[in-house]
Amino acid sequence: MARYNKMPPEILEKRAQEALARLASCKICPRRCQANRLEDERGYCRTGRRAKVASYTPHFGEEPPLVGHSGSGTIFFSGCNLSCLFCQNWDISQEDLGREVSPEELARMMLVLQDGGCHNINLVTPTHVVPQILEALVLAREEGLSVPLVYNSGGYDSAEALRLLDGIIDIYMPDAKYGSDGPAQKYSAAPGYTTVMKAALKEMHRQVGDLEMDDEGIALQGLL
């Protein structure tokens, strides 16, 4: 059973509402832009009240413990809180390819991927849309979502925001991109990246521990 299904519904709803309230003066990511995203103001991530999705599909190019035999159910979010010069998804992360979706639409995407046999729901570039993900998850869970959730980020995550996901995310898969701040600033425009990333990794591991897999080598929970 996925971790979010073990959480009382009212607690999940409370987390979603708390996260959404933080959009009024956004501090969801370490940049703390303080844009009023509830009024559709745009900060560094260029995302307002609603999440923007570029695509959702079974993906067979992810790490083997996520892919298994039926694929990882990836949802690619548009926009990003990083500006990596080497980004392989530049059209999505920097040129914002995709469309805005309602909470109901995002929940339906999760359910479609699950119904298609995907082993998990893989949230790609989720850092700036944590509130919108939680809002949709409340609806998806009510409709029977039960597969593990994967948080697939660039590692520039706020430990404070991650705490909203405690007991909800099953698998964390962050990119630990840099070991020093100079290259992080030069290539990703990410001030203080290493300090932020290390704190995020510690918080992720505190929540889910080491990676656990089933007998077929498919990830169930943990830090990957």
C-alpha atoms as a PDB file:
ATOM      1  CA  MET A   1       0.000   0.000   0.000  1.00  0.00           C
ATOM      2  CA  ALA A   2       1.321   3.451  -0.926  1.00  0.00           C
ATOM      3  CA  ARG A   3       2.163   5.693   2.004  1.00  0.00           C
ATOM      4  CA  TYR A   4      -0.471   8.314   1.162  1.00  0.00           C
ATOM      5  CA  ASN A   5      -3.164   5.643   1.486  1.00  0.00           C
ATOM      6  CA  LYS A   6      -2.091   4.995   5.066  1.00  0.00           C
ATOM      7  CA  MET A   7      -2.649   8.661   5.952  1.00  0.00           C
ATOM      8  CA  PRO A   8      -6.096   9.690   7.245  1.00  0.00           C
ATOM      9  CA  PRO A   9      -7.924  11.564   4.444  1.00  0.00           C
ATOM     10  CA  GLU A  10      -8.426  14.643   6.574  1.00  0.00           C
ATOM     11  CA  ILE A  11      -4.669  14.901   7.182  1.00  0.00           C
ATOM     12  CA  LEU A  12      -3.924  14.677   3.462  1.00  0.00           C
ATOM     13  CA  GLU A  13      -6.507  17.374   2.774  1.00  0.00           C
ATOM     14  CA  LYS A  14      -5.009  19.557   5.507  1.00  0.00           C
ATOM     15  CA  ARG A  15      -1.541  19.177   3.980  1.00  0.00           C
ATOM     16  CA  ALA A  16      -2.887  20.168   0.585  1.00  0.00           C
ATOM     17  CA  GLN A  17      -4.588  23.253   1.987  1.00  0.00           C
ATOM     18  CA  GLU A  18      -1.489  24.256   3.933  1.00  0.00           C
ATOM     19  CA  ALA A  19       0.648  23.906   0.810  1.00  0.00           C
ATOM     20  CA  LEU A  20      -1.787  25.900  -1.316  1.00  0.00           C
ATOM     21  CA  ALA A  21      -1.853  28.698   1.263  1.00  0.00           C
ATOM     22  CA  ARG A  22       1.905  29.061   0.873  1.00  0.00           C
ATOM     23  CA  LEU A  23       1.383  30.063  -2.758  1.00  0.00           C
ATOM     24  CA  ALA A  24       0.040  33.428  -1.589  1.00  0.00           C
ATOM     25  CA  SER A  25       3.636  34.517  -0.978  1.00  0.00           C
ATOM     26  CA  CYS A  26       5.471  31.648  -2.556  1.00  0.00           C
ATOM     27  CA  LYS A  27       8.286  30.035  -0.615  1.00  0.00           C
ATOM     28  CA  ILE A  28       7.753  26.545  -1.994  1.00  0.00           C
ATOM     29  CA  CYS A  29      11.269  26.334  -3.426  1.00  0.00           C
ATOM     30  CA  PRO A  30      14.577  27.663  -2.041  1.00  0.00           C
ATOM     31  CA  ARG A  31      14.368  30.810  -4.184  1.00  0.00           C
ATOM     32  CA  ARG A  32      11.459  32.061  -2.041  1.00  0.00           C
ATOM     33  CA  CYS A  33      10.239  34.455  -4.763  1.00  0.00           C
ATOM     34  CA  GLN A  34       7.178  35.456  -2.703  1.00  0.00           C
ATOM     35  CA  ALA A  35       5.048  35.804  -5.825  1.00  0.00           C
ATOM     36  CA  ASN A  36       1.309  35.592  -5.148  1.00  0.00           C
ATOM     37  CA  ARG A  37       0.696  32.521  -7.231  1.00  0.00           C
ATOM     38  CA  LEU A  38      -2.848  32.218  -5.926  1.00  0.00           C
ATOM     39  CA  GLU A  39      -3.467  35.355  -8.008  1.00  0.00           C
ATOM     40  CA  ASP A  40      -1.508  33.821 -10.895  1.00  0.00           C
ATOM     41  CA  GLU A  41       1.640  35.898 -10.369  1.00  0.00           C
ATOM     42  CA  ARG A  42       4.740  34.207 -11.786  1.00  0.00           C
ATOM     43  CA  GLY A  43       8.072  33.853 -10.025  1.00  0.00           C
ATOM     44  CA  TYR A  44      11.259  32.156 -11.188  1.00  0.00           C
ATOM     45  CA  CYS A  45       9.452  28.952 -12.185  1.00  0.00           C
ATOM     46  CA  ARG A  46       6.982  30.894 -14.360  1.00  0.00           C
ATOM     47  CA  THR A  47       4.087  28.840 -12.975  1.00  0.00           C
ATOM     48  CA  GLY A  48       0.985  30.403 -11.489  1.00  0.00           C
ATOM     49  CA  ARG A  49      -2.014  28.953  -9.677  1.00  0.00           C
ATOM     50  CA  ARG A  50      -2.280  25.850 -11.840  1.00  0.00           C
ATOM     51  CA  ALA A  51       0.374  23.313 -12.709  1.00  0.00           C
ATOM     52  CA  LYS A  52       1.336  23.009 -16.355  1.00  0.00           C
ATOM     53  CA  VAL A  53       1.881  19.525 -17.791  1.00  0.00           C
ATOM     54  CA  ALA A  54       3.899  18.784 -20.917  1.00  0.00           C
ATOM     55  CA  SER A  55       3.084  15.073 -21.138  1.00  0.00           C
ATOM     56  CA  TYR A  56       2.073  11.988 -19.201  1.00  0.00           C
ATOM     57  CA  THR A  57       2.978   8.523 -20.374  1.00  0.00           C
ATOM     58  CA  PRO A  58       4.458   5.156 -19.387  1.00  0.00           C
ATOM     59  CA  HIS A  59       8.235   5.661 -19.491  1.00  0.00           C
ATOM     60  CA  PHE A  60      10.793   2.903 -20.020  1.00  0.00           C
ATOM     61  CA  GLY A  61      13.905   5.089 -19.912  1.00  0.00           C
ATOM     62  CA  GLU A  62      13.972   5.696 -16.167  1.00  0.00           C
ATOM     63  CA  GLU A  63      16.030   3.774 -13.595  1.00  0.00           C
ATOM     64  CA  PRO A  64      15.306   0.010 -13.733  1.00  0.00           C
ATOM     65  CA  PRO A  65      13.727  -0.181 -10.239  1.00  0.00           C
ATOM     66  CA  LEU A  66      11.081   2.289 -11.412  1.00  0.00           C
ATOM     67  CA  VAL A  67      10.500   0.866 -14.893  1.00  0.00           C
ATOM     68  CA  GLY A  68      10.070  -2.823 -14.076  1.00  0.00           C
ATOM     69  CA  HIS A  69       8.125  -4.637 -16.779  1.00  0.00           C
ATOM     70  CA  SER A  70       5.254  -2.155 -17.258  1.00  0.00           C
ATOM     71  CA  GLY A  71       6.935   1.231 -17.126  1.00  0.00           C
ATOM     72  CA  SER A  72       7.042   4.218 -14.811  1.00  0.00           C
ATOM     73  CA  GLY A  73       4.008   6.489 -15.089  1.00  0.00           C
ATOM     74  CA  THR A  74       5.709   9.800 -15.729  1.00  0.00           C
ATOM     75  CA  ILE A  75       4.029  13.189 -15.517  1.00  0.00           C
ATOM     76  CA  PHE A  76       6.351  15.876 -16.916  1.00  0.00           C
ATOM     77  CA  PHE A  77       5.647  19.272 -15.365  1.00  0.00           C
ATOM     78  CA  SER A  78       6.514  22.404 -17.322  1.00  0.00           C
ATOM     79  CA  GLY A  79       8.669  25.128 -15.807  1.00  0.00           C
ATOM     80  CA  CYS A  80      11.456  24.643 -13.296  1.00  0.00           C
ATOM     81  CA  ASN A  81      13.194  26.349 -10.388  1.00  0.00           C
ATOM     82  CA  LEU A  82      16.571  25.682 -12.052  1.00  0.00           C
ATOM     83  CA  SER A  83      18.029  27.017 -15.304  1.00  0.00           C
ATOM     84  CA  CYS A  84      20.429  24.235 -16.255  1.00  0.00           C
ATOM     85  CA  LEU A  85      22.267  25.060 -19.464  1.00  0.00           C
ATOM     86  CA  PHE A  86      22.532  21.332 -20.206  1.00  0.00           C
ATOM     87  CA  CYS A  87      18.859  20.461 -19.635  1.00  0.00           C
ATOM     88  CA  GLN A  88      17.705  17.650 -21.916  1.00  0.00           C
ATOM     89  CA  ASN A  89      14.105  18.842 -21.547  1.00  0.00           C
ATOM     90  CA  TRP A  90      14.792  22.512 -22.332  1.00  0.00           C
ATOM     91  CA  ASP A  91      11.538  22.995 -24.239  1.00  0.00           C
ATOM     92  CA  ILE A  92       9.622  21.828 -21.182  1.00  0.00           C
ATOM     93  CA  SER A  93      11.680  23.324 -18.361  1.00  0.00           C
ATOM     94  CA  GLN A  94      12.617  26.688 -19.894  1.00  0.00           C
ATOM     95  CA  GLU A  95      10.257  27.280 -22.804  1.00  0.00           C
ATOM     96  CA  ASP A  96       7.257  26.010 -20.825  1.00  0.00           C
ATOM     97  CA  LEU A  97       5.894  23.626 -23.431  1.00  0.00           C
ATOM     98  CA  GLY A  98       2.645  22.182 -22.114  1.00  0.00           C
ATOM     99  CA  ARG A  99      -0.752  23.274 -20.874  1.00  0.00           C
ATOM    100  CA  GLU A 100      -2.273  24.282 -17.583  1.00  0.00           C
ATOM    101  CA  VAL A 101      -4.361  21.577 -15.949  1.00  0.00           C
ATOM    102  CA  SER A 102      -7.023  21.590 -13.253  1.00  0.00           C
ATOM    103  CA  PRO A 103      -6.676  19.454 -10.117  1.00  0.00           C
ATOM    104  CA  GLU A 104      -9.277  17.113 -11.587  1.00  0.00           C
ATOM    105  CA  GLU A 105      -7.283  16.718 -14.812  1.00  0.00           C
ATOM    106  CA  LEU A 106      -4.056  16.041 -12.943  1.00  0.00           C
ATOM    107  CA  ALA A 107      -5.781  13.452 -10.774  1.00  0.00           C
ATOM    108  CA  ARG A 108      -7.189  11.792 -13.894  1.00  0.00           C
ATOM    109  CA  MET A 109      -3.704  11.586 -15.420  1.00  0.00           C
ATOM    110  CA  MET A 110      -2.497   9.702 -12.358  1.00  0.00           C
ATOM    111  CA  LEU A 111      -5.384   7.274 -12.570  1.00  0.00           C
ATOM    112  CA  VAL A 112      -4.963   6.692 -16.305  1.00  0.00           C
ATOM    113  CA  LEU A 113      -1.301   5.792 -15.782  1.00  0.00           C
ATOM    114  CA  GLN A 114      -2.194   3.436 -12.948  1.00  0.00           C
ATOM    115  CA  ASP A 115      -4.958   1.830 -14.996  1.00  0.00           C
ATOM    116  CA  GLY A 116      -2.439   1.331 -17.807  1.00  0.00           C
ATOM    117  CA  GLY A 117      -0.361  -0.885 -15.516  1.00  0.00           C
ATOM    118  CA  CYS A 118       2.427   1.525 -14.545  1.00  0.00           C
ATOM    119  CA  HIS A 119       4.257   0.557 -11.367  1.00  0.00           C
ATOM    120  CA  ASN A 120       4.270   4.086  -9.982  1.00  0.00           C
ATOM    121  CA  ILE A 121       3.380   7.712 -10.619  1.00  0.00           C
ATOM    122  CA  ASN A 122       6.626   9.513 -11.427  1.00  0.00           C
ATOM    123  CA  LEU A 123       6.355  13.264 -10.810  1.00  0.00           C
ATOM    124  CA  VAL A 124       9.081  14.810 -12.976  1.00  0.00           C
ATOM    125  CA  THR A 125      10.230  18.327 -11.986  1.00  0.00           C
ATOM    126  CA  PRO A 126       7.724  18.589  -9.110  1.00  0.00           C
ATOM    127  CA  THR A 127       9.530  21.096  -6.873  1.00  0.00           C
ATOM    128  CA  HIS A 128       7.547  24.178  -7.877  1.00  0.00           C
ATOM    129  CA  VAL A 129       4.153  22.431  -7.984  1.00  0.00           C
ATOM    130  CA  VAL A 130       4.050  20.562  -4.667  1.00  0.00           C
ATOM    131  CA  PRO A 131       0.768  22.269  -3.650  1.00  0.00           C
ATOM    132  CA  GLN A 132      -0.922  21.445  -6.949  1.00  0.00           C
ATOM    133  CA  ILE A 133       0.235  17.831  -6.721  1.00  0.00           C
ATOM    134  CA  LEU A 134      -1.202  17.465  -3.225  1.00  0.00           C
ATOM    135  CA  GLU A 135      -4.452  19.081  -4.305  1.00  0.00           C
ATOM    136  CA  ALA A 136      -4.803  16.551  -7.134  1.00  0.00           C
ATOM    137  CA  LEU A 137      -3.696  13.636  -4.963  1.00  0.00           C
ATOM    138  CA  VAL A 138      -6.626  14.167  -2.618  1.00  0.00           C
ATOM    139  CA  LEU A 139      -8.963  13.617  -5.571  1.00  0.00           C
ATOM    140  CA  ALA A 140      -6.984  10.748  -7.094  1.00  0.00           C
ATOM    141  CA  ARG A 141      -6.884   8.850  -3.826  1.00  0.00           C
ATOM    142  CA  GLU A 142     -10.650   9.157  -3.500  1.00  0.00           C
ATOM    143  CA  GLU A 143     -10.932   7.547  -6.937  1.00  0.00           C
ATOM    144  CA  GLY A 144      -8.668   4.628  -6.047  1.00  0.00           C
ATOM    145  CA  LEU A 145      -5.071   5.655  -6.693  1.00  0.00           C
ATOM    146  CA  SER A 146      -2.826   3.189  -4.883  1.00  0.00           C
ATOM    147  CA  VAL A 147       0.568   2.908  -6.649  1.00  0.00           C
ATOM    148  CA  PRO A 148       3.712   4.493  -5.158  1.00  0.00           C
ATOM    149  CA  LEU A 149       4.488   8.166  -5.793  1.00  0.00           C
ATOM    150  CA  VAL A 150       7.957   9.101  -7.077  1.00  0.00           C
ATOM    151  CA  TYR A 151       9.343  12.593  -6.463  1.00  0.00           C
ATOM    152  CA  ASN A 152      11.829  13.097  -9.319  1.00  0.00           C
ATOM    153  CA  SER A 153      13.520  16.466  -8.814  1.00  0.00           C
ATOM    154  CA  GLY A 154      16.649  18.434  -9.604  1.00  0.00           C
ATOM    155  CA  GLY A 155      17.703  18.368  -5.959  1.00  0.00           C
ATOM    156  CA  TYR A 156      17.106  22.097  -5.388  1.00  0.00           C
ATOM    157  CA  ASP A 157      14.295  21.462  -2.929  1.00  0.00           C
ATOM    158  CA  SER A 158      13.302  23.230   0.254  1.00  0.00           C
ATOM    159  CA  ALA A 159      13.460  20.919   3.265  1.00  0.00           C
ATOM    160  CA  GLU A 160      10.573  22.923   4.709  1.00  0.00           C
ATOM    161  CA  ALA A 161       8.389  22.173   1.687  1.00  0.00           C
ATOM    162  CA  LEU A 162       9.483  18.535   1.676  1.00  0.00           C
ATOM    163  CA  ARG A 163       8.124  18.158   5.184  1.00  0.00           C
ATOM    164  CA  LEU A 164       4.659  18.721   3.719  1.00  0.00           C
ATOM    165  CA  LEU A 165       5.218  15.461   1.827  1.00  0.00           C
ATOM    166  CA  ASP A 166       6.180  13.368   4.852  1.00  0.00           C
ATOM    167  CA  GLY A 167       4.064  10.221   4.831  1.00  0.00           C
ATOM    168  CA  ILE A 168       2.918  10.902   1.263  1.00  0.00           C
ATOM    169  CA  ILE A 169       5.840  10.356  -1.121  1.00  0.00           C
ATOM    170  CA  ASP A 170       7.041   6.759  -1.371  1.00  0.00           C
ATOM    171  CA  ILE A 171      10.202   7.153  -3.461  1.00  0.00           C
ATOM    172  CA  TYR A 172      12.465  10.176  -3.711  1.00  0.00           C
ATOM    173  CA  MET A 173      14.745  10.382  -6.750  1.00  0.00           C
ATOM    174  CA  PRO A 174      16.635  13.698  -6.675  1.00  0.00           C
ATOM    175  CA  ASP A 175      19.517  14.656  -8.934  1.00  0.00           C
ATOM    176  CA  ALA A 176      22.487  15.628  -6.763  1.00  0.00           C
ATOM    177  CA  LYS A 177      23.975  17.717  -9.570  1.00  0.00           C
ATOM    178  CA  TYR A 178      26.876  19.552  -7.931  1.00  0.00           C
ATOM    179  CA  GLY A 179      29.410  19.192  -5.155  1.00  0.00           C
ATOM    180  CA  SER A 180      30.335  22.885  -5.079  1.00  0.00           C
ATOM    181  CA  ASP A 181      28.412  26.107  -5.480  1.00  0.00           C
ATOM    182  CA  GLY A 182      30.513  27.716  -8.218  1.00  0.00           C
ATOM    183  CA  PRO A 183      29.462  25.349 -11.002  1.00  0.00           C
ATOM    184  CA  ALA A 184      25.905  25.266  -9.636  1.00  0.00           C
ATOM    185  CA  GLN A 185      25.630  29.018 -10.063  1.00  0.00           C
ATOM    186  CA  LYS A 186      27.403  29.025 -13.419  1.00  0.00           C
ATOM    187  CA  TYR A 187      25.460  26.233 -15.088  1.00  0.00           C
ATOM    188  CA  SER A 188      22.124  26.184 -13.228  1.00  0.00           C
ATOM    189  CA  ALA A 189      21.813  29.684 -11.724  1.00  0.00           C
ATOM    190  CA  ALA A 190      21.258  28.020  -8.361  1.00  0.00           C
ATOM    191  CA  PRO A 191      22.665  29.991  -5.408  1.00  0.00           C
ATOM    192  CA  GLY A 192      23.675  27.906  -2.393  1.00  0.00           C
ATOM    193  CA  TYR A 193      22.886  24.684  -4.237  1.00  0.00           C
ATOM    194  CA  THR A 194      25.070  22.312  -2.239  1.00  0.00           C
ATOM    195  CA  THR A 195      23.763  23.418   1.156  1.00  0.00           C
ATOM    196  CA  VAL A 196      20.173  23.248  -0.056  1.00  0.00           C
ATOM    197  CA  MET A 197      20.673  19.894  -1.751  1.00  0.00           C
ATOM    198  CA  LYS A 198      22.337  18.255   1.246  1.00  0.00           C
ATOM    199  CA  ALA A 199      19.534  19.399   3.563  1.00  0.00           C
ATOM    200  CA  ALA A 200      16.972  18.096   1.075  1.00  0.00           C
ATOM    201  CA  LEU A 201      18.671  14.702   0.808  1.00  0.00           C
ATOM    202  CA  LYS A 202      18.728  14.354   4.594  1.00  0.00           C
ATOM    203  CA  GLU A 203      15.040  15.198   4.830  1.00  0.00           C
ATOM    204  CA  MET A 204      14.134  12.792   2.023  1.00  0.00           C
ATOM    205  CA  HIS A 205      16.077   9.972   3.659  1.00  0.00           C
ATOM    206  CA  ARG A 206      14.563  10.743   7.057  1.00  0.00           C
ATOM    207  CA  GLN A 207      11.120  10.255   5.533  1.00  0.00           C
ATOM    208  CA  VAL A 208      11.595   7.119   3.439  1.00  0.00           C
ATOM    209  CA  GLY A 209      14.942   5.521   4.356  1.00  0.00           C
ATOM    210  CA  ASP A 210      17.003   3.339   2.051  1.00  0.00           C
ATOM    211  CA  LEU A 211      15.553   1.967  -1.158  1.00  0.00           C
ATOM    212  CA  GLU A 212      13.331  -1.100  -0.754  1.00  0.00           C
ATOM    213  CA  MET A 213      12.343  -3.330  -3.682  1.00  0.00           C
ATOM    214  CA  ASP A 214      10.056  -6.293  -4.168  1.00  0.00           C
ATOM    215  CA  ASP A 215      11.101  -9.740  -5.366  1.00  0.00           C
ATOM    216  CA  GLU A 216      11.041  -8.536  -8.991  1.00  0.00           C
ATOM    217  CA  GLY A 217      13.374  -5.624  -8.276  1.00  0.00           C
ATOM    218  CA  ILE A 218      10.673  -2.984  -8.485  1.00  0.00           C
ATOM    219  CA  ALA A 219      11.020  -0.047  -6.085  1.00  0.00           C
ATOM    220  CA  LEU A 220       8.490   0.194  -3.294  1.00  0.00           C
ATOM    221  CA  GLN A 221       9.892   2.892  -1.028  1.00  0.00           C
ATOM    222  CA  GLY A 222      13.076   4.776  -0.258  1.00  0.00           C
ATOM    223  CA  LEU A 223      15.677   7.182  -1.557  1.00  0.00           C
ATOM    224  CA  LEU A 224      17.010   6.416  -5.015  1.00  0.00           C
END
